[in-house]
Each structure stands twice: as C-alpha cells, then as structure tokens.
C-alpha cells in the first residue's frame, strides 16, 4: 500500500487559503458557491491542503465536484478514464482531521463502477453514495451492527490504490516449519494423563470457570438462504440444538453452570434469538452477541451492488468475536461471575464438544490460547502452525511467502480454540483481509478478520486432536451435500455422546 502522500502547495495558494479561512460567515460562503466554482477553488489551493474547505462543503457540492474531477482524458477527443490515484487522494482528504472532526461531515463512499458505467453511456448522474442515499432499513442495519464507515473508506482507498489487487496480507518476517515438540497430542481419554486432564477440566466446569462461544455468524448462504444453525442435522435436532445439548450434558456431569455466547451476524442474529427464545436448558445460560457489519466491494474499490441495485452487506469474519465479546459487555460479565476460559468453535463442527480434557490441557499448558489442530488430508487448506521470526502462530496459507510450501506442514487448525478470558480482555490489531467471494454469480470482495491471528499476539498451545473416530473433534459441515456425506459419522458421534437423535 502506498505510503502517505506529501505534497506542497505554492506559497501563493497557501496565502489564499489563509485569507479564505479568516473570512466571517465562512460556512455560508462555501455553501453558496456553485460546485464548478468550488471545484476550481479547491484545485487552485491544492486538494492536499484543502481539507478545511472540503469539510465545509455540502454533500451535493462534493458529488458534483467528484463527478468532474475523477474522470480524465489523455488528450482532446480521447475517451475519459477513471482516475484511481485521484480517487485515493480524495478518500485520504475525506479521512483527514478537518473532515473527520467536522460535525458536517457525512460518510462518503464513491461508487466508482457506477461513475464509469454512466460515462460509457453518456450520462452524468450523481453517482456517489452517502448514508442519506441508503434506504431506511439498510441505514438501521448499519447502525445496529456497528458499521465502521471510516474503516470502510480506508479499505476502499487501499483497494483502489492497489489497482484492483485485493489485499491478502502476505506474512512478513522469516517463516519456518514448527520445531519438534511445538505441537502436543491430546492424551487419550482412557490414559492416565487423559484422566488427569479431564479431572482438571471437570473441576473448572463445576466452578463455573468455563464458558462456550459458538460461531454462528456468516451470511446464511450455503444452505439455500436458511441460517445454518437452525438447519436440522437429524429430524428435530438442528446444529444449534445439538451444540447446546452437548453443553447441557457437560454442565450436568460437572454440576456447574456454563455460559454460552452465540456469535451472530446481521443475517443470523434475529433467527438465533428466536431459536433459543423458548429454551432454558438446566445449567446453561445463553446470550446472543452481534458481530459488526461492513460493505462488500468491487474489484477496484467501488461498492459492490446486488442485482436489486442495493449495496451489499457482509459480516466481518470470525475474528470479530474478540471485539464483540468486549463491546457487548459479555466478557466483563463472564469474568465477574468467575469465568476464566472460553471454548470457541464453529456451529457446524459438532465434534468440537465441551471436553473436560481439552480444558484441562489448556489449564496445564499455562498458555493464553489453545488451538486445536488435526492431521491434513488431501484437499485441506487453511491456517497452519508455523514459526514467524521464531514465534509459533497460525499462518493462513494465502499469507505464506513465495517459496514456502504449505503442504510441508502436515497439520492445520480446526478453528476451535480455548481462550483465556483475562488475556483476551484487550484490543488486538488484527489485519483486515480483502477476500474474494462469489455473490449472485459475480465476484465480490469482503473485508474479514480471522480469529487465528490472535496466536500472533498471545502465547499459544498447539494441541493435536483426533480428526475422526470415537474421540474425533473435527466434523465440519459446510453445505447440504457434505451433511449427507457425513451423516454416518454424525450419528456415531451423537450415539457416543449419549445424545438421542
């Protein structure tokens, strides 16, 4: 990503700017200028130095100025093209202190694709998109689910400045294979060590020290528009019901009480609340948390629009669980009640049960994080354990430097974690990845954060768990086809857990 832009205006322009800013009734004077005249004034001062003027302009003035300013021709008679560098500079100015601090500032998102299409067809429509342009329902969703407009602007500017290359955040530093002893096997249930760890975990459950986070966000797209959590795995038993049944079983066995936090998105939260509204499993407290929302983007930073013409919303990835636990107050409440650790797993991984051995292994390690890993099978791709500048952490395969073969690491993580509640009660500067997704048959770019990156910040135990079998802990189901394929394993798992289904 290009560094900050530093330019200097001629001294005469600086003097003019000073005289303008000293004028009485400055706001009214700026508002009274026709957009072309204001655009020429900004050009004369220099856009880099005109932040104070831009901050006072109306939305309509900015719209008209941008429509003229972002299209340039190489010469007379030649077609105009979209000025991506100029677009990035405008976004930088809109995020500068004068604009950000101005009470008049509105959240501006330029729709570059719409601007281009309009010019191709000879139209000169107003093609910027502000909060005022969005329908009432969309504005309400953005407000409820903590849409960060400034962040969205920065990500759009980054994408535009890169010329359409989505940012994948290739890992910097020296990346090396894990060392012998970096990964520890989870002891078998019937081994002496396994029984010791189970006793540790059981005592933690009895004391109310362990809670559960079930990741049930996303966009409800892989099961035909139905929220996966409420899809029946077997008749009368949805993914969510089976996950809660496991927690209820563990709470009953320990005699303790377990807090369960369901992480939902703007597409799933209300469905989750309805699903658990009438439930009161003994020994289980259930709370639905709402992760944040953002906007999908097109290839060069423009807003991605659905076939209806509406902007397209998306969830921000499972890495959002960390700030959501804090901003919702859930983590503080959990800690005040004596909670010490949280088992985090995907709603579709029924094998990631509340196993006291895993809790005990986490406690014995003394690490802030425990992450479960399984041995790879053909086709597996995801975050792998690797050492970056000597520090063991999860590195997503798309971040590996050229020349490092991800297949050389025979393990990958299952997105099941045990997190120390005290250790995660802080801010983490997780990267934003611009990930390509198919939406309505077209390619869109979604900003996402990944929970596994927390291992770059906190000491982590890498625990190797059985993938399948009686003690298997990895049975993901991404769509209906995979559900049918895994049904025999699922029924065996439920029988082993004593869950009648």
Protein backbone atom coordinates (compact mmCIF):
# COMPACT_ATOMS: atom_id res chain seq x y z
CA UNK A 1 0.00 0.00 0.00
CA UNK A 2 1.42 3.40 -0.88
CA UNK A 3 2.67 5.50 1.97
CA UNK A 4 1.14 8.83 2.98
CA UNK A 5 1.03 11.41 0.22
CA UNK A 6 3.14 14.50 0.90
CA UNK A 7 2.82 17.43 -1.49
CA UNK A 8 3.32 21.14 -1.11
CA UNK A 9 1.13 23.95 -2.39
CA UNK A 10 2.73 27.11 -3.83
CA UNK A 11 3.13 29.88 -1.31
CA UNK A 12 0.54 31.99 -3.13
CA UNK A 13 -2.02 29.25 -2.73
CA UNK A 14 -1.26 28.98 0.97
CA UNK A 15 -1.83 32.72 1.34
CA UNK A 16 -5.15 32.46 -0.45
CA UNK A 17 -6.18 29.58 1.79
CA UNK A 18 -5.32 31.59 4.89
CA UNK A 19 -7.40 34.53 3.69
CA UNK A 20 -10.37 32.26 2.89
CA UNK A 21 -10.31 30.61 6.31
CA UNK A 22 -10.25 34.02 8.01
CA UNK A 23 -13.48 35.12 6.33
CA UNK A 24 -16.56 35.69 8.54
CA UNK A 25 -19.60 33.54 7.71
CA UNK A 26 -17.26 31.08 6.05
CA UNK A 27 -19.71 28.15 6.10
CA UNK A 28 -22.42 30.14 4.33
CA UNK A 29 -19.91 31.47 1.79
CA UNK A 30 -18.68 27.98 0.91
CA UNK A 31 -22.23 26.62 0.65
CA UNK A 32 -23.24 29.48 -1.67
CA UNK A 33 -20.57 28.66 -4.27
CA UNK A 34 -21.68 26.73 -7.36
CA UNK A 35 -19.99 23.31 -7.45
CA UNK A 36 -17.81 24.15 -10.51
CA UNK A 37 -16.53 27.31 -8.81
CA UNK A 38 -15.81 25.46 -5.58
CA UNK A 39 -14.01 22.76 -7.54
CA UNK A 40 -11.78 25.38 -9.19
CA UNK A 41 -11.08 26.92 -5.79
CA UNK A 42 -10.03 23.54 -4.38
CA UNK A 43 -7.81 22.96 -7.42
CA UNK A 44 -6.20 26.39 -7.02
CA UNK A 45 -5.48 25.84 -3.32
CA UNK A 46 -4.45 22.23 -3.95
CA UNK A 47 -6.60 19.29 -2.84
CA UNK A 48 -3.86 18.16 -0.44
CA UNK A 49 -4.23 21.43 1.51
CA UNK A 50 -7.98 21.95 1.09
CA UNK A 51 -9.24 19.70 3.85
CA UNK A 52 -10.76 22.62 5.79
CA UNK A 53 -12.71 23.71 2.70
CA UNK A 54 -13.83 20.17 1.82
CA UNK A 55 -15.07 19.73 5.40
CA UNK A 56 -17.44 22.69 4.95
CA UNK A 57 -18.82 21.71 1.53
CA UNK A 58 -22.26 20.18 1.24
CA UNK A 59 -22.80 16.62 0.10
CA UNK A 60 -24.33 17.86 -3.15
CA UNK A 61 -21.32 20.09 -3.90
CA UNK A 62 -18.89 17.21 -3.30
CA UNK A 63 -20.95 14.92 -5.50
CA UNK A 64 -20.81 17.29 -8.46
CA UNK A 65 -17.12 18.09 -7.99
CA UNK A 66 -16.17 14.43 -7.87
CA UNK A 67 -18.16 13.64 -10.98
CA UNK A 68 -15.96 16.11 -12.87
CA UNK A 69 -12.69 15.56 -11.03
CA UNK A 70 -12.40 11.78 -11.17
CA UNK A 71 -12.59 11.47 -14.94
CA UNK A 72 -9.58 12.49 -17.01
CA UNK A 73 -8.73 12.39 -20.71
CA UNK A 74 -5.24 11.92 -22.10
CA UNK A 75 -5.95 14.44 -24.83
CA UNK A 76 -8.60 16.12 -26.96
CA UNK A 77 -11.04 13.65 -28.49
CA UNK A 78 -9.84 10.74 -26.37
CA UNK A 79 -12.08 8.76 -24.04
CA UNK A 80 -12.07 9.68 -20.39
CA UNK A 81 -10.89 7.13 -17.82
CA UNK A 82 -11.39 6.87 -14.09
CA UNK A 83 -8.52 8.45 -12.09
CA UNK A 84 -7.85 5.85 -9.40
CA UNK A 85 -4.95 7.80 -7.86
CA UNK A 86 -7.10 10.93 -7.61
CA UNK A 87 -9.88 8.82 -6.07
CA UNK A 88 -7.47 7.54 -3.39
CA UNK A 89 -6.33 11.11 -2.65
CA UNK A 90 -9.93 12.31 -2.24
CA UNK A 91 -10.59 9.48 0.24
CA UNK A 92 -7.42 10.43 2.14
CA UNK A 93 -8.64 14.03 2.38
CA UNK A 94 -12.11 12.90 3.49
CA UNK A 95 -10.42 10.99 6.32
CA UNK A 96 -8.13 13.87 7.29
CA UNK A 97 -8.59 15.54 10.71
CA UNK A 98 -10.53 18.57 9.41
CA UNK A 99 -13.11 16.36 7.68
CA UNK A 100 -13.29 13.71 10.39
CA UNK A 101 -13.76 16.28 13.16
CA UNK A 102 -16.30 18.37 11.25
CA UNK A 103 -19.84 17.97 12.54
CA UNK A 104 -20.96 18.49 8.94
CA UNK A 105 -19.02 15.51 7.70
CA UNK A 106 -21.14 12.76 6.19
CA UNK A 107 -19.98 9.26 5.48
CA UNK A 108 -18.92 9.27 1.82
CA UNK A 109 -18.50 6.16 -0.35
CA UNK A 110 -17.81 6.84 -4.03
CA UNK A 111 -19.28 4.27 -6.37
CA UNK A 112 -16.55 4.20 -8.99
CA UNK A 113 -18.16 1.49 -11.09
CA UNK A 114 -21.39 3.44 -11.39
CA UNK A 115 -19.47 6.56 -12.38
CA UNK A 116 -17.68 4.61 -15.12
CA UNK A 117 -20.84 2.98 -16.44
CA UNK A 118 -22.65 6.32 -16.58
CA UNK A 119 -19.86 7.94 -18.59
CA UNK A 120 -19.79 4.99 -21.02
CA UNK A 121 -23.49 5.61 -21.71
CA UNK A 122 -23.02 9.36 -21.93
CA UNK A 123 -24.88 10.07 -18.70
CA UNK A 124 -23.80 12.46 -15.97
CA UNK A 125 -25.72 11.31 -12.95
CA UNK A 126 -24.86 11.88 -9.34
CA UNK A 127 -23.01 8.69 -8.55
CA UNK A 128 -21.74 8.99 -5.02
CA UNK A 129 -23.40 7.11 -2.20
CA UNK A 130 -23.95 8.61 1.21
CA UNK A 131 -25.87 7.48 4.27
CA UNK A 132 -28.68 9.75 3.10
CA UNK A 133 -28.93 7.77 -0.16
CA UNK A 134 -29.47 4.43 1.56
CA UNK A 135 -32.91 3.12 2.33
CA UNK A 136 -34.12 3.27 5.91
CA UNK A 137 -33.73 -0.47 6.51
CA UNK A 138 -30.10 -0.51 5.36
CA UNK A 139 -29.25 2.54 7.49
CA UNK A 140 -30.81 0.86 10.52
CA UNK A 141 -28.80 -2.35 9.97
CA UNK A 142 -25.54 -0.41 9.59
CA UNK A 143 -26.23 1.48 12.80
CA UNK A 144 -27.30 -1.56 14.82
CA UNK A 145 -24.38 -3.73 13.77
CA UNK A 146 -21.65 -1.12 14.31
CA UNK A 147 -20.68 -0.32 10.73
CA UNK A 148 -17.31 1.49 10.75
CA UNK A 149 -17.57 3.98 7.90
CA UNK A 150 -14.05 5.37 8.29
CA UNK A 151 -12.59 1.87 8.16
CA UNK A 152 -14.63 1.06 5.06
CA UNK A 153 -13.31 4.20 3.38
CA UNK A 154 -9.72 3.25 4.22
CA UNK A 155 -10.13 -0.27 2.84
CA UNK A 156 -11.70 1.11 -0.34
CA UNK A 157 -8.83 3.53 -0.77
CA UNK A 158 -6.34 0.71 -0.25
CA UNK A 159 -8.05 -1.43 -2.88
CA UNK A 160 -8.32 1.44 -5.36
CA UNK A 161 -4.67 2.39 -4.88
CA UNK A 162 -3.61 -1.21 -5.49
CA UNK A 163 -5.17 -1.16 -8.94
CA UNK A 164 -7.70 -3.85 -8.10
CA UNK A 165 -5.34 -6.30 -6.42
CA UNK A 166 -7.19 -7.44 -3.29
CA UNK A 167 -5.07 -7.26 -0.18
CA UNK A 168 -4.20 -10.66 1.24
CA UNK A 169 -1.54 -9.53 3.68
CA UNK A 170 1.41 -11.76 2.82
CA UNK A 171 3.21 -12.62 6.02
CA UNK A 172 6.39 -10.63 6.56
CA UNK A 173 9.32 -11.95 8.56
CA UNK A 174 11.10 -15.29 8.41
CA UNK A 175 8.56 -18.13 8.19
CA UNK A 176 9.78 -21.57 9.22
CA UNK A 177 8.43 -25.02 9.97
CA UNK A 178 7.35 -25.85 13.52
CA UNK A 179 10.08 -27.36 15.67
CA UNK A 180 9.87 -30.83 17.22
CA UNK A 181 7.77 -30.54 20.36
CA UNK A 182 5.86 -27.46 19.15
CA UNK A 183 2.67 -29.49 18.80
CA UNK A 184 1.33 -31.64 21.64
CA UNK A 185 -1.02 -34.60 21.24
CA UNK A 186 -4.23 -34.62 23.29
CA UNK A 187 -3.91 -37.69 25.55
CA UNK A 188 -6.46 -40.45 25.00
CA UNK A 189 -9.48 -40.45 27.28
CA UNK A 190 -8.57 -43.80 28.85
CA UNK A 191 -4.92 -42.88 29.52
CA UNK A 192 -3.74 -41.82 32.95
CA UNK A 193 -2.81 -38.35 31.66
CA UNK A 194 -6.13 -38.09 29.87
CA UNK A 195 -7.98 -38.83 33.10
CA UNK A 196 -5.89 -36.25 34.99
CA UNK A 197 -6.66 -33.57 32.43
CA UNK A 198 -10.35 -34.49 32.44
CA UNK A 199 -10.42 -34.11 36.23
CA UNK A 200 -8.87 -30.63 35.94
CA UNK A 201 -11.40 -29.60 33.34
CA UNK A 202 -14.29 -31.10 35.27
CA UNK A 203 -13.35 -29.09 38.34
CA UNK A 204 -13.26 -25.91 36.22
CA UNK A 205 -16.72 -26.66 34.86
CA UNK A 206 -18.05 -27.35 38.34
CA UNK A 207 -16.75 -23.96 39.47
CA UNK A 208 -18.33 -22.05 36.57
CA UNK A 209 -14.91 -21.16 35.20
CA UNK A 210 -15.50 -22.38 31.63
CA UNK A 211 -17.81 -20.91 29.02
CA UNK A 212 -18.58 -21.60 25.39
CA UNK A 213 -18.64 -19.40 22.28
CA UNK A 214 -20.47 -20.81 19.26
CA UNK A 215 -19.63 -19.08 15.98
CA UNK A 216 -22.94 -18.81 14.12
CA UNK A 217 -22.48 -15.65 12.06
CA UNK A 218 -21.83 -15.53 8.36
CA UNK A 219 -24.33 -14.75 5.64
CA UNK A 220 -26.76 -17.72 5.64
CA UNK A 221 -25.88 -18.58 2.03
CA UNK A 222 -24.69 -22.18 1.99
CA UNK A 223 -27.96 -23.84 2.95
CA UNK A 224 -30.16 -22.12 0.41
CA UNK A 225 -30.64 -18.91 2.38
CA UNK A 226 -31.51 -20.69 5.62
CA UNK A 227 -29.39 -19.91 8.68
CA UNK A 228 -27.21 -22.97 9.12
CA UNK A 229 -27.53 -23.03 12.90
CA UNK A 230 -31.24 -23.86 12.69
CA UNK A 231 -30.98 -26.44 9.91
CA UNK A 232 -31.94 -29.93 11.10
CA UNK A 233 -28.98 -32.30 11.15
CA UNK A 234 -31.31 -35.17 12.03
CA UNK A 235 -35.08 -34.76 12.35
CA UNK A 236 -35.92 -32.42 15.22
CA UNK A 237 -32.30 -31.63 16.04
CA UNK A 238 -30.61 -28.61 14.43
CA UNK A 239 -26.89 -27.82 14.56
CA UNK A 240 -27.59 -25.32 17.33
CA UNK A 241 -29.76 -27.69 19.36
CA UNK A 242 -27.08 -30.39 19.20
CA UNK A 243 -24.32 -27.98 20.24
CA UNK A 244 -26.44 -26.83 23.19
CA UNK A 245 -27.29 -30.42 24.09
CA UNK A 246 -23.57 -31.14 24.41
CA UNK A 247 -23.10 -28.15 26.72
CA UNK A 248 -26.10 -29.24 28.79
CA UNK A 249 -24.59 -32.72 29.08
CA UNK A 250 -21.24 -31.32 30.26
CA UNK A 251 -22.93 -28.98 32.77
CA UNK A 252 -24.98 -31.85 34.22
CA UNK A 253 -21.92 -34.09 34.53
CA UNK A 254 -19.99 -31.41 36.43
CA UNK A 255 -22.85 -29.95 38.44
CA UNK A 256 -21.81 -26.47 37.35
CA UNK A 257 -23.32 -23.75 35.20
CA UNK A 258 -21.98 -22.88 31.75
CA UNK A 259 -22.38 -19.58 29.90
CA UNK A 260 -22.93 -19.91 26.15
CA UNK A 261 -22.39 -16.95 23.82
CA UNK A 262 -23.77 -17.28 20.29
CA UNK A 263 -21.97 -15.01 17.83
CA UNK A 264 -24.49 -13.94 15.19
CA UNK A 265 -24.32 -11.56 12.25
CA UNK A 266 -26.83 -9.12 10.79
CA UNK A 267 -28.08 -12.08 8.71
CA UNK A 268 -28.39 -14.59 11.58
CA UNK A 269 -28.80 -12.84 14.96
CA UNK A 270 -32.58 -12.49 14.94
CA UNK A 271 -33.02 -16.10 13.83
CA UNK A 272 -30.71 -17.24 16.63
CA UNK A 273 -32.66 -15.28 19.23
CA UNK A 274 -35.89 -16.82 18.02
CA UNK A 275 -34.36 -20.30 18.10
CA UNK A 276 -33.21 -20.03 21.72
CA UNK A 277 -36.05 -17.82 22.95
CA UNK A 278 -38.00 -20.67 24.49
CA UNK A 279 -35.02 -22.73 25.61
CA UNK A 280 -33.92 -22.99 29.21
CA UNK A 281 -31.50 -25.93 29.40
CA UNK A 282 -30.62 -26.68 33.03
CA UNK A 283 -27.18 -25.41 33.95
CA UNK A 284 -26.84 -23.36 30.73
CA UNK A 285 -27.11 -19.57 30.29
CA UNK A 286 -27.48 -18.43 26.66
CA UNK A 287 -26.74 -15.00 25.22
CA UNK A 288 -26.73 -13.90 21.56
CA UNK A 289 -24.00 -11.45 20.57
CA UNK A 290 -23.95 -9.40 17.35
CA UNK A 291 -20.81 -9.07 15.28
CA UNK A 292 -20.25 -5.99 13.15
CA UNK A 293 -21.22 -5.46 9.53
CA UNK A 294 -19.44 -3.91 6.58
CA UNK A 295 -19.88 -3.39 2.82
CA UNK A 296 -18.79 -5.67 0.01
CA UNK A 297 -16.55 -4.07 -2.59
CA UNK A 298 -15.90 -4.42 -6.28
CA UNK A 299 -12.56 -5.18 -7.85
CA UNK A 300 -11.18 -1.63 -7.79
CA UNK A 301 -12.71 -0.30 -4.59
CA UNK A 302 -16.18 0.59 -5.84
CA UNK A 303 -19.20 -0.54 -3.85
CA UNK A 304 -20.48 -3.94 -4.88
CA UNK A 305 -24.16 -3.75 -5.67
CA UNK A 306 -26.63 -6.60 -5.75
CA UNK A 307 -28.91 -7.14 -8.74
CA UNK A 308 -31.54 -5.06 -6.96
CA UNK A 309 -29.15 -2.09 -7.06
CA UNK A 310 -28.73 -2.05 -3.28
CA UNK A 311 -25.33 -2.00 -1.62
CA UNK A 312 -24.32 -5.45 -0.41
CA UNK A 313 -23.71 -6.03 3.30
CA UNK A 314 -21.49 -8.74 4.77
CA UNK A 315 -20.28 -9.98 8.13
CA UNK A 316 -16.68 -9.24 9.12
CA UNK A 317 -15.30 -12.73 9.80
CA UNK A 318 -14.88 -14.75 12.98
CA UNK A 319 -12.01 -12.55 14.16
CA UNK A 320 -14.72 -10.09 15.14
CA UNK A 321 -15.59 -12.31 18.11
CA UNK A 322 -12.81 -10.69 20.14
CA UNK A 323 -14.01 -7.07 19.99
CA UNK A 324 -17.66 -8.21 20.13
CA UNK A 325 -17.12 -10.02 23.43
CA UNK A 326 -15.76 -6.80 24.89
CA UNK A 327 -18.02 -4.16 23.37
CA UNK A 328 -21.15 -6.15 24.27
CA UNK A 329 -20.05 -6.37 27.91
CA UNK A 330 -20.31 -10.17 27.73
CA UNK A 331 -16.66 -10.76 28.55
CA UNK A 332 -16.76 -8.45 31.56
CA UNK A 333 -19.90 -10.16 32.88
CA UNK A 334 -18.36 -13.58 32.36
CA UNK A 335 -15.20 -12.62 34.24
CA UNK A 336 -17.13 -11.03 37.11
CA UNK A 337 -19.05 -14.29 37.53
CA UNK A 338 -15.77 -16.20 37.90
CA UNK A 339 -15.27 -17.21 34.26
CA UNK A 340 -11.68 -17.94 33.27
CA UNK A 341 -11.73 -19.61 29.84
CA UNK A 342 -13.90 -19.84 26.72
CA UNK A 343 -14.11 -22.77 24.30
CA UNK A 344 -14.72 -21.34 20.81
CA UNK A 345 -15.94 -23.47 17.90
CA UNK A 346 -17.98 -23.31 14.69
CA UNK A 347 -21.66 -24.17 14.94
CA UNK A 348 -21.26 -26.73 12.14
CA UNK A 349 -18.47 -28.68 13.87
CA UNK A 350 -20.50 -30.97 16.12
CA UNK A 351 -17.39 -32.90 17.14
CA UNK A 352 -15.89 -29.84 18.89
CA UNK A 353 -17.53 -30.77 22.17
CA UNK A 354 -17.07 -29.33 25.64
CA UNK A 355 -14.50 -31.99 26.53
CA UNK A 356 -13.02 -31.54 30.04
CA UNK A 357 -9.71 -32.98 28.76
CA UNK A 358 -9.28 -30.06 26.37
CA UNK A 359 -9.99 -27.59 29.17
CA UNK A 360 -7.54 -29.43 31.42
CA UNK A 361 -4.87 -29.43 28.70
CA UNK A 362 -5.32 -25.70 28.32
CA UNK A 363 -5.03 -25.09 32.05
CA UNK A 364 -1.94 -27.26 32.39
CA UNK A 365 -0.18 -25.55 29.48
CA UNK A 366 -0.21 -22.15 31.19
CA UNK A 367 -0.71 -20.54 27.76
CA UNK A 368 -3.25 -17.83 26.96
CA UNK A 369 -4.59 -19.70 23.93
CA UNK A 370 -5.01 -23.34 22.97
CA UNK A 371 -5.74 -24.07 19.32
CA UNK A 372 -6.80 -27.48 18.06
CA UNK A 373 -5.06 -28.97 15.04
CA UNK A 374 -5.65 -32.11 13.00
CA UNK A 375 -3.55 -34.02 10.50
CA UNK A 376 -4.26 -32.92 6.96
CA UNK A 377 -6.00 -34.99 4.34
CA UNK A 378 -5.92 -34.21 0.60
CA UNK A 379 -7.79 -31.01 -0.16
CA UNK A 380 -7.30 -29.41 3.25
CA UNK A 381 -6.34 -25.75 3.16
CA UNK A 382 -6.38 -23.21 5.95
CA UNK A 383 -4.30 -21.84 8.77
CA UNK A 384 -1.23 -23.89 9.58
CA UNK A 385 1.15 -23.78 12.55
CA UNK A 386 4.39 -22.07 11.60
CA UNK A 387 7.13 -20.05 13.23
CA UNK A 388 7.35 -16.40 12.19
CA UNK A 389 10.60 -14.84 13.36
CA UNK A 390 10.74 -17.64 15.90
CA UNK A 391 7.19 -17.15 17.26
CA UNK A 392 4.82 -20.11 16.81
CA UNK A 393 1.47 -18.99 15.41
CA UNK A 394 -1.26 -19.77 12.91
CA UNK A 395 -0.48 -18.52 9.41
CA UNK A 396 -3.15 -18.73 6.74
CA UNK A 397 -1.80 -20.44 3.64
CA UNK A 398 -2.68 -17.47 1.42
CA UNK A 399 -0.27 -15.39 3.55
CA UNK A 400 2.72 -17.67 3.14
CA UNK A 401 5.69 -16.10 1.36
CA UNK A 402 6.67 -17.32 -2.09
CA UNK A 403 8.74 -20.45 -1.85
CA UNK A 404 7.19 -21.73 1.39
CA UNK A 405 5.16 -24.83 0.64
CA UNK A 406 2.14 -25.04 2.95
CA UNK A 407 1.92 -28.76 2.21
CA UNK A 408 5.20 -29.21 4.09
CA UNK A 409 3.26 -28.71 7.34
CA UNK A 410 1.05 -31.81 7.82
CA UNK A 411 -1.35 -30.09 10.24
CA UNK A 412 -3.91 -27.33 10.06
CA UNK A 413 -6.12 -25.69 12.65
CA UNK A 414 -9.83 -26.51 13.04
CA UNK A 415 -10.93 -23.05 14.23
CA UNK A 416 -11.54 -24.48 17.70
CA UNK A 417 -9.83 -22.56 20.50
CA UNK A 418 -9.68 -22.21 24.24
CA UNK A 419 -9.13 -18.56 25.11
CA UNK A 420 -8.02 -17.20 28.48
CA UNK A 421 -10.68 -14.66 29.43
CA UNK A 422 -8.26 -12.26 31.09
CA UNK A 423 -5.73 -12.42 28.25
CA UNK A 424 -8.28 -11.53 25.55
CA UNK A 425 -9.73 -8.62 27.52
CA UNK A 426 -7.77 -6.10 25.43
CA UNK A 427 -7.64 -4.73 21.90
CA UNK A 428 -5.90 -6.72 19.17
CA UNK A 429 -4.75 -5.10 15.94
CA UNK A 430 -5.91 -7.93 13.69
CA UNK A 431 -5.34 -7.46 9.97
CA UNK A 432 -8.19 -6.90 7.55
CA UNK A 433 -8.09 -9.25 4.59
CA UNK A 434 -9.94 -8.47 1.37
CA UNK A 435 -11.24 -11.89 0.43
CA UNK A 436 -12.80 -12.76 -2.92
CA UNK A 437 -16.29 -14.34 -2.75
CA UNK A 438 -18.97 -15.23 -5.29
CA UNK A 439 -22.18 -13.25 -4.75
CA UNK A 440 -25.10 -13.70 -7.15
CA UNK A 441 -22.68 -15.32 -9.58
CA UNK A 442 -20.30 -12.37 -9.56
CA UNK A 443 -17.02 -11.80 -7.77
CA UNK A 444 -17.14 -9.54 -4.72
CA UNK A 445 -14.53 -8.62 -2.15
CA UNK A 446 -15.32 -8.97 1.54
CA UNK A 447 -13.25 -7.39 4.34
CA UNK A 448 -12.69 -10.04 7.01
CA UNK A 449 -10.66 -10.62 10.16
CA UNK A 450 -9.56 -14.09 11.26
CA UNK A 451 -9.56 -15.34 14.84
CA UNK A 452 -6.46 -17.48 14.32
CA UNK A 453 -4.31 -14.34 14.08
CA UNK A 454 -4.69 -13.87 17.84
CA UNK A 455 -1.95 -16.52 18.12
CA UNK A 456 0.48 -13.90 16.77
CA UNK A 457 -0.20 -11.82 19.88
CA UNK A 458 -0.56 -14.36 22.69
CA UNK A 459 1.40 -17.45 23.84
CA UNK A 460 -0.37 -20.44 22.31
CA UNK A 461 -0.51 -24.18 22.85
CA UNK A 462 -0.92 -26.15 19.62
CA UNK A 463 -2.91 -29.24 20.50
CA UNK A 464 -3.18 -32.12 18.03
CA UNK A 465 -6.56 -33.81 18.34
CA UNK A 466 -8.02 -36.88 16.60
CA UNK A 467 -9.84 -35.92 13.45
CA UNK A 468 -12.31 -38.82 13.35
CA UNK A 469 -13.27 -41.86 15.38
CA UNK A 470 -14.69 -42.20 18.86
CA UNK A 471 -12.67 -39.24 20.16
CA UNK A 472 -12.59 -37.27 16.91
CA UNK A 473 -13.02 -33.49 17.18
CA UNK A 474 -13.31 -32.30 13.59
CA UNK A 475 -16.52 -32.93 11.68
CA UNK A 476 -17.31 -29.74 9.72
CA UNK A 477 -20.40 -29.47 7.54
CA UNK A 478 -20.31 -26.62 5.04
CA UNK A 479 -23.37 -27.42 2.92
CA UNK A 480 -26.22 -29.91 2.46
CA UNK A 481 -24.15 -32.21 0.26
CA UNK A 482 -21.48 -32.54 2.95
CA UNK A 483 -24.18 -33.06 5.59
CA UNK A 484 -25.47 -36.12 3.75
CA UNK A 485 -21.96 -37.40 3.16
CA UNK A 486 -21.06 -37.14 6.86
CA UNK A 487 -24.34 -38.49 8.24
CA UNK A 488 -22.95 -41.89 9.33
CA UNK A 489 -20.14 -40.18 11.26
CA UNK A 490 -22.59 -37.72 12.79
CA UNK A 491 -24.90 -40.47 14.02
CA UNK A 492 -21.94 -42.35 15.54
CA UNK A 493 -20.79 -39.16 17.26
CA UNK A 494 -24.22 -38.45 18.73
CA UNK A 495 -24.51 -42.03 19.98
CA UNK A 496 -21.06 -41.81 21.62
CA UNK A 497 -22.10 -38.58 23.34
CA UNK A 498 -25.31 -40.13 24.60
CA UNK A 499 -27.43 -37.70 22.60
CA UNK A 500 -30.62 -39.30 21.43
CA UNK A 501 -31.35 -38.35 17.84
